[in-house]
Amino acid sequence: MVQFELGTVTMSDGVFNKAMEDLSFAMFVLESLELYKQGKWGASELDSKLNDWAVECGDYISTGYNHLGQPIIWIITKQNRSATTILFPHEYGAMRNHIL
């Protein structure tokens, strides 16, 4: 099993607001985070191999999850493992985070 530190887990405004409004989306986010912590990447085989390498070498880790009509979310962990952020792809670049 792949193991790495998540650091402080945060979510973007968009993910936070949708999770507050939609219980099934909130559950999807929590389930995705659990898969992520276990190294069960929601990405292609190549991306999965890159994430496995990133865990071993200390690079940033990122993947996306999608489930039954839910919008795609990205989960990204910093290289220094100080923080993990859950966000929508369109939010990448400029966001405020909510700590989980």
N, C-alpha and C. Protein backbone atom coordinates (compact mmCIF):
# COMPACT_ATOMS: atom_id res chain seq x y z
N MET A 1 0.83 -1.18 0.00
CA MET A 1 0.00 0.00 0.00
C MET A 1 0.88 1.24 0.00
N VAL A 2 0.55 2.20 -0.82
CA VAL A 2 1.26 3.46 -0.91
C VAL A 2 0.95 4.28 0.34
N GLN A 3 1.98 4.86 0.96
CA GLN A 3 1.75 5.69 2.14
C GLN A 3 2.48 7.01 1.99
N PHE A 4 1.78 8.07 2.35
CA PHE A 4 2.35 9.41 2.31
C PHE A 4 1.53 10.31 3.21
N GLU A 5 2.12 11.42 3.62
CA GLU A 5 1.44 12.40 4.46
C GLU A 5 0.57 13.30 3.59
N LEU A 6 -0.62 13.61 4.10
CA LEU A 6 -1.50 14.54 3.41
C LEU A 6 -1.26 15.98 3.83
N GLY A 7 -0.72 16.19 5.01
CA GLY A 7 -0.61 17.54 5.54
C GLY A 7 -2.00 18.05 5.89
N THR A 8 -2.17 19.36 5.85
CA THR A 8 -3.48 19.97 6.10
C THR A 8 -4.36 19.74 4.87
N VAL A 9 -5.53 19.17 5.07
CA VAL A 9 -6.44 18.91 3.96
C VAL A 9 -7.41 20.08 3.85
N THR A 10 -7.47 20.68 2.66
CA THR A 10 -8.36 21.80 2.41
C THR A 10 -9.18 21.53 1.16
N MET A 11 -10.24 22.32 0.99
CA MET A 11 -11.01 22.25 -0.25
C MET A 11 -11.30 23.67 -0.72
N SER A 12 -11.46 23.79 -2.01
CA SER A 12 -11.73 25.09 -2.61
C SER A 12 -13.13 25.58 -2.24
N ASP A 13 -13.40 26.85 -2.50
CA ASP A 13 -14.73 27.40 -2.25
C ASP A 13 -15.80 26.61 -3.01
N GLY A 14 -15.53 26.30 -4.27
CA GLY A 14 -16.52 25.61 -5.09
C GLY A 14 -16.86 24.23 -4.55
N VAL A 15 -15.84 23.46 -4.20
CA VAL A 15 -16.07 22.12 -3.65
C VAL A 15 -16.76 22.23 -2.29
N PHE A 16 -16.30 23.15 -1.46
CA PHE A 16 -16.91 23.35 -0.14
C PHE A 16 -18.40 23.69 -0.26
N ASN A 17 -18.72 24.65 -1.11
CA ASN A 17 -20.11 25.08 -1.27
C ASN A 17 -20.99 23.95 -1.80
N LYS A 18 -20.50 23.21 -2.79
CA LYS A 18 -21.29 22.10 -3.34
C LYS A 18 -21.47 21.02 -2.29
N ALA A 19 -20.45 20.72 -1.51
CA ALA A 19 -20.55 19.69 -0.46
C ALA A 19 -21.56 20.11 0.61
N MET A 20 -21.63 21.40 0.91
CA MET A 20 -22.59 21.89 1.91
C MET A 20 -24.03 21.78 1.41
N GLU A 21 -24.21 21.84 0.09
CA GLU A 21 -25.55 21.81 -0.51
C GLU A 21 -26.01 20.40 -0.89
N ASP A 22 -25.07 19.48 -1.07
CA ASP A 22 -25.38 18.19 -1.68
C ASP A 22 -24.68 17.06 -0.91
N LEU A 23 -25.43 16.34 -0.11
CA LEU A 23 -24.87 15.28 0.72
C LEU A 23 -24.20 14.20 -0.11
N SER A 24 -24.77 13.84 -1.24
CA SER A 24 -24.16 12.79 -2.07
C SER A 24 -22.81 13.25 -2.62
N PHE A 25 -22.69 14.52 -2.95
CA PHE A 25 -21.40 15.05 -3.40
C PHE A 25 -20.41 15.06 -2.25
N ALA A 26 -20.85 15.45 -1.06
CA ALA A 26 -19.96 15.44 0.11
C ALA A 26 -19.43 14.04 0.37
N MET A 27 -20.28 13.03 0.25
CA MET A 27 -19.85 11.64 0.43
C MET A 27 -18.85 11.24 -0.66
N PHE A 28 -19.10 11.66 -1.89
CA PHE A 28 -18.19 11.39 -3.00
C PHE A 28 -16.81 11.99 -2.71
N VAL A 29 -16.77 13.19 -2.19
CA VAL A 29 -15.49 13.84 -1.87
C VAL A 29 -14.76 13.05 -0.79
N LEU A 30 -15.45 12.67 0.27
CA LEU A 30 -14.81 11.91 1.35
C LEU A 30 -14.33 10.54 0.88
N GLU A 31 -15.15 9.87 0.06
CA GLU A 31 -14.75 8.56 -0.48
C GLU A 31 -13.54 8.71 -1.40
N SER A 32 -13.51 9.76 -2.20
CA SER A 32 -12.38 10.00 -3.10
C SER A 32 -11.11 10.25 -2.30
N LEU A 33 -11.22 11.03 -1.23
CA LEU A 33 -10.06 11.30 -0.39
C LEU A 33 -9.53 10.01 0.24
N GLU A 34 -10.43 9.13 0.65
CA GLU A 34 -10.01 7.85 1.23
C GLU A 34 -9.27 7.00 0.18
N LEU A 35 -9.78 6.95 -1.05
CA LEU A 35 -9.10 6.23 -2.12
C LEU A 35 -7.72 6.82 -2.36
N TYR A 36 -7.65 8.14 -2.38
CA TYR A 36 -6.40 8.86 -2.60
C TYR A 36 -5.38 8.50 -1.53
N LYS A 37 -5.81 8.51 -0.26
CA LYS A 37 -4.92 8.17 0.85
C LYS A 37 -4.36 6.74 0.70
N GLN A 38 -5.14 5.86 0.08
CA GLN A 38 -4.72 4.47 -0.10
C GLN A 38 -3.89 4.27 -1.36
N GLY A 39 -3.69 5.34 -2.13
CA GLY A 39 -2.94 5.23 -3.37
C GLY A 39 -3.74 4.58 -4.49
N LYS A 40 -5.05 4.65 -4.39
CA LYS A 40 -5.93 4.14 -5.45
C LYS A 40 -6.31 5.34 -6.32
N TRP A 41 -5.41 5.64 -7.25
CA TRP A 41 -5.52 6.83 -8.07
C TRP A 41 -6.69 6.69 -9.03
N GLY A 42 -7.41 7.77 -9.23
CA GLY A 42 -8.56 7.76 -10.14
C GLY A 42 -8.18 8.16 -11.54
N ALA A 43 -6.94 7.94 -11.91
CA ALA A 43 -6.42 8.43 -13.19
C ALA A 43 -6.05 7.27 -14.11
N SER A 44 -5.47 7.62 -15.24
CA SER A 44 -5.02 6.61 -16.20
C SER A 44 -3.87 5.79 -15.62
N GLU A 45 -3.54 4.71 -16.29
CA GLU A 45 -2.44 3.85 -15.82
C GLU A 45 -1.13 4.63 -15.77
N LEU A 46 -0.87 5.45 -16.77
CA LEU A 46 0.36 6.25 -16.78
C LEU A 46 0.38 7.22 -15.60
N ASP A 47 -0.74 7.92 -15.37
CA ASP A 47 -0.81 8.85 -14.25
C ASP A 47 -0.64 8.12 -12.92
N SER A 48 -1.19 6.92 -12.83
CA SER A 48 -1.04 6.13 -11.61
C SER A 48 0.42 5.80 -11.35
N LYS A 49 1.13 5.42 -12.39
CA LYS A 49 2.56 5.11 -12.24
C LYS A 49 3.34 6.36 -11.85
N LEU A 50 2.99 7.50 -12.43
CA LEU A 50 3.66 8.75 -12.08
C LEU A 50 3.40 9.12 -10.63
N ASN A 51 2.17 8.90 -10.15
CA ASN A 51 1.87 9.19 -8.75
C ASN A 51 2.62 8.24 -7.81
N ASP A 52 2.69 6.97 -8.17
CA ASP A 52 3.47 6.03 -7.35
C ASP A 52 4.92 6.48 -7.26
N TRP A 53 5.47 6.92 -8.38
CA TRP A 53 6.85 7.43 -8.42
C TRP A 53 6.96 8.69 -7.56
N ALA A 54 5.97 9.59 -7.68
CA ALA A 54 5.98 10.84 -6.94
C ALA A 54 5.97 10.60 -5.43
N VAL A 55 5.23 9.59 -4.98
CA VAL A 55 5.20 9.25 -3.56
C VAL A 55 6.60 8.85 -3.11
N GLU A 56 7.25 8.01 -3.88
CA GLU A 56 8.59 7.52 -3.53
C GLU A 56 9.64 8.62 -3.58
N CYS A 57 9.53 9.51 -4.56
CA CYS A 57 10.58 10.51 -4.80
C CYS A 57 10.30 11.87 -4.19
N GLY A 58 9.14 12.06 -3.60
CA GLY A 58 8.84 13.33 -2.95
C GLY A 58 8.37 14.42 -3.89
N ASP A 59 7.77 14.05 -5.02
CA ASP A 59 7.23 15.04 -5.94
C ASP A 59 5.76 15.28 -5.57
N TYR A 60 5.13 16.28 -6.23
CA TYR A 60 3.72 16.52 -5.94
C TYR A 60 2.90 15.37 -6.49
N ILE A 61 1.75 15.12 -5.86
CA ILE A 61 0.85 14.03 -6.22
C ILE A 61 -0.47 14.65 -6.64
N SER A 62 -1.05 14.18 -7.72
CA SER A 62 -2.36 14.70 -8.13
C SER A 62 -3.11 13.67 -8.94
N THR A 63 -4.43 13.70 -8.79
CA THR A 63 -5.28 12.82 -9.57
C THR A 63 -6.69 13.40 -9.58
N GLY A 64 -7.52 12.84 -10.42
CA GLY A 64 -8.91 13.26 -10.51
C GLY A 64 -9.84 12.10 -10.24
N TYR A 65 -11.02 12.42 -9.73
CA TYR A 65 -12.04 11.41 -9.47
C TYR A 65 -13.36 11.88 -10.04
N ASN A 66 -14.13 10.94 -10.57
CA ASN A 66 -15.45 11.20 -11.11
C ASN A 66 -16.32 10.00 -10.78
N HIS A 67 -17.55 10.25 -10.38
CA HIS A 67 -18.44 9.15 -10.01
C HIS A 67 -19.88 9.47 -10.35
N LEU A 68 -20.48 8.64 -11.16
CA LEU A 68 -21.92 8.67 -11.44
C LEU A 68 -22.55 10.06 -11.47
N GLY A 69 -22.17 10.82 -12.43
CA GLY A 69 -22.77 12.12 -12.62
C GLY A 69 -22.24 13.23 -11.73
N GLN A 70 -21.35 12.93 -10.80
CA GLN A 70 -20.76 13.98 -9.97
C GLN A 70 -19.70 14.71 -10.81
N PRO A 71 -19.50 15.98 -10.54
CA PRO A 71 -18.44 16.69 -11.27
C PRO A 71 -17.07 16.14 -10.90
N ILE A 72 -16.15 16.24 -11.82
CA ILE A 72 -14.78 15.79 -11.56
C ILE A 72 -14.16 16.67 -10.48
N ILE A 73 -13.46 16.01 -9.55
CA ILE A 73 -12.67 16.75 -8.57
C ILE A 73 -11.21 16.34 -8.75
N TRP A 74 -10.35 17.26 -8.45
CA TRP A 74 -8.91 16.99 -8.40
C TRP A 74 -8.49 17.00 -6.95
N ILE A 75 -7.52 16.13 -6.63
CA ILE A 75 -6.89 16.15 -5.32
C ILE A 75 -5.39 16.28 -5.57
N ILE A 76 -4.79 17.26 -4.93
CA ILE A 76 -3.37 17.57 -5.15
C ILE A 76 -2.66 17.70 -3.81
N THR A 77 -1.53 17.01 -3.67
CA THR A 77 -0.70 17.11 -2.47
C THR A 77 0.62 17.77 -2.84
N LYS A 78 1.01 18.77 -2.05
CA LYS A 78 2.26 19.49 -2.29
C LYS A 78 3.46 18.56 -2.16
N GLN A 79 4.54 18.97 -2.80
CA GLN A 79 5.79 18.20 -2.76
C GLN A 79 6.27 17.98 -1.34
N ASN A 80 6.17 18.99 -0.49
CA ASN A 80 6.67 18.87 0.88
C ASN A 80 5.66 18.21 1.82
N ARG A 81 4.53 17.78 1.26
CA ARG A 81 3.46 17.07 1.99
C ARG A 81 2.84 17.90 3.10
N SER A 82 2.94 19.22 2.99
CA SER A 82 2.36 20.10 4.01
C SER A 82 0.86 20.32 3.81
N ALA A 83 0.36 20.09 2.60
CA ALA A 83 -1.06 20.35 2.33
C ALA A 83 -1.56 19.51 1.16
N THR A 84 -2.83 19.15 1.27
CA THR A 84 -3.56 18.48 0.19
C THR A 84 -4.81 19.30 -0.06
N THR A 85 -5.09 19.58 -1.33
CA THR A 85 -6.23 20.41 -1.70
C THR A 85 -7.17 19.63 -2.61
N ILE A 86 -8.48 19.76 -2.35
CA ILE A 86 -9.52 19.18 -3.19
C ILE A 86 -10.19 20.34 -3.90
N LEU A 87 -10.28 20.25 -5.22
CA LEU A 87 -10.81 21.37 -6.00
C LEU A 87 -11.43 20.88 -7.30
N PHE A 88 -12.17 21.76 -7.94
CA PHE A 88 -12.65 21.50 -9.29
C PHE A 88 -11.55 21.92 -10.27
N PRO A 89 -11.43 21.23 -11.41
CA PRO A 89 -10.37 21.59 -12.36
C PRO A 89 -10.37 23.07 -12.76
N HIS A 90 -11.56 23.66 -12.93
CA HIS A 90 -11.60 25.06 -13.37
C HIS A 90 -11.13 26.03 -12.28
N GLU A 91 -10.98 25.56 -11.05
CA GLU A 91 -10.54 26.42 -9.95
C GLU A 91 -9.02 26.45 -9.78
N TYR A 92 -8.33 25.61 -10.50
CA TYR A 92 -6.87 25.52 -10.34
C TYR A 92 -6.24 26.87 -10.66
N GLY A 93 -5.44 27.38 -9.76
CA GLY A 93 -4.74 28.63 -10.02
C GLY A 93 -5.09 29.74 -9.06
N ALA A 94 -6.39 29.92 -8.82
CA ALA A 94 -6.79 31.01 -7.93
C ALA A 94 -7.95 30.53 -7.06
N MET A 95 -7.66 30.33 -5.77
CA MET A 95 -8.73 29.87 -4.89
C MET A 95 -8.41 30.17 -3.44
N ARG A 96 -9.45 30.18 -2.65
CA ARG A 96 -9.35 30.21 -1.20
C ARG A 96 -9.71 28.83 -0.71
N ASN A 97 -9.07 28.36 0.32
CA ASN A 97 -9.28 26.99 0.79
C ASN A 97 -9.98 26.95 2.14
N HIS A 98 -10.76 25.89 2.32
CA HIS A 98 -11.42 25.60 3.59
C HIS A 98 -10.77 24.37 4.18
N ILE A 99 -10.31 24.43 5.42
CA ILE A 99 -9.66 23.30 6.06
C ILE A 99 -10.70 22.27 6.46
N LEU A 100 -10.43 21.01 6.18
CA LEU A 100 -11.33 19.93 6.57
C LEU A 100 -11.11 19.56 8.02
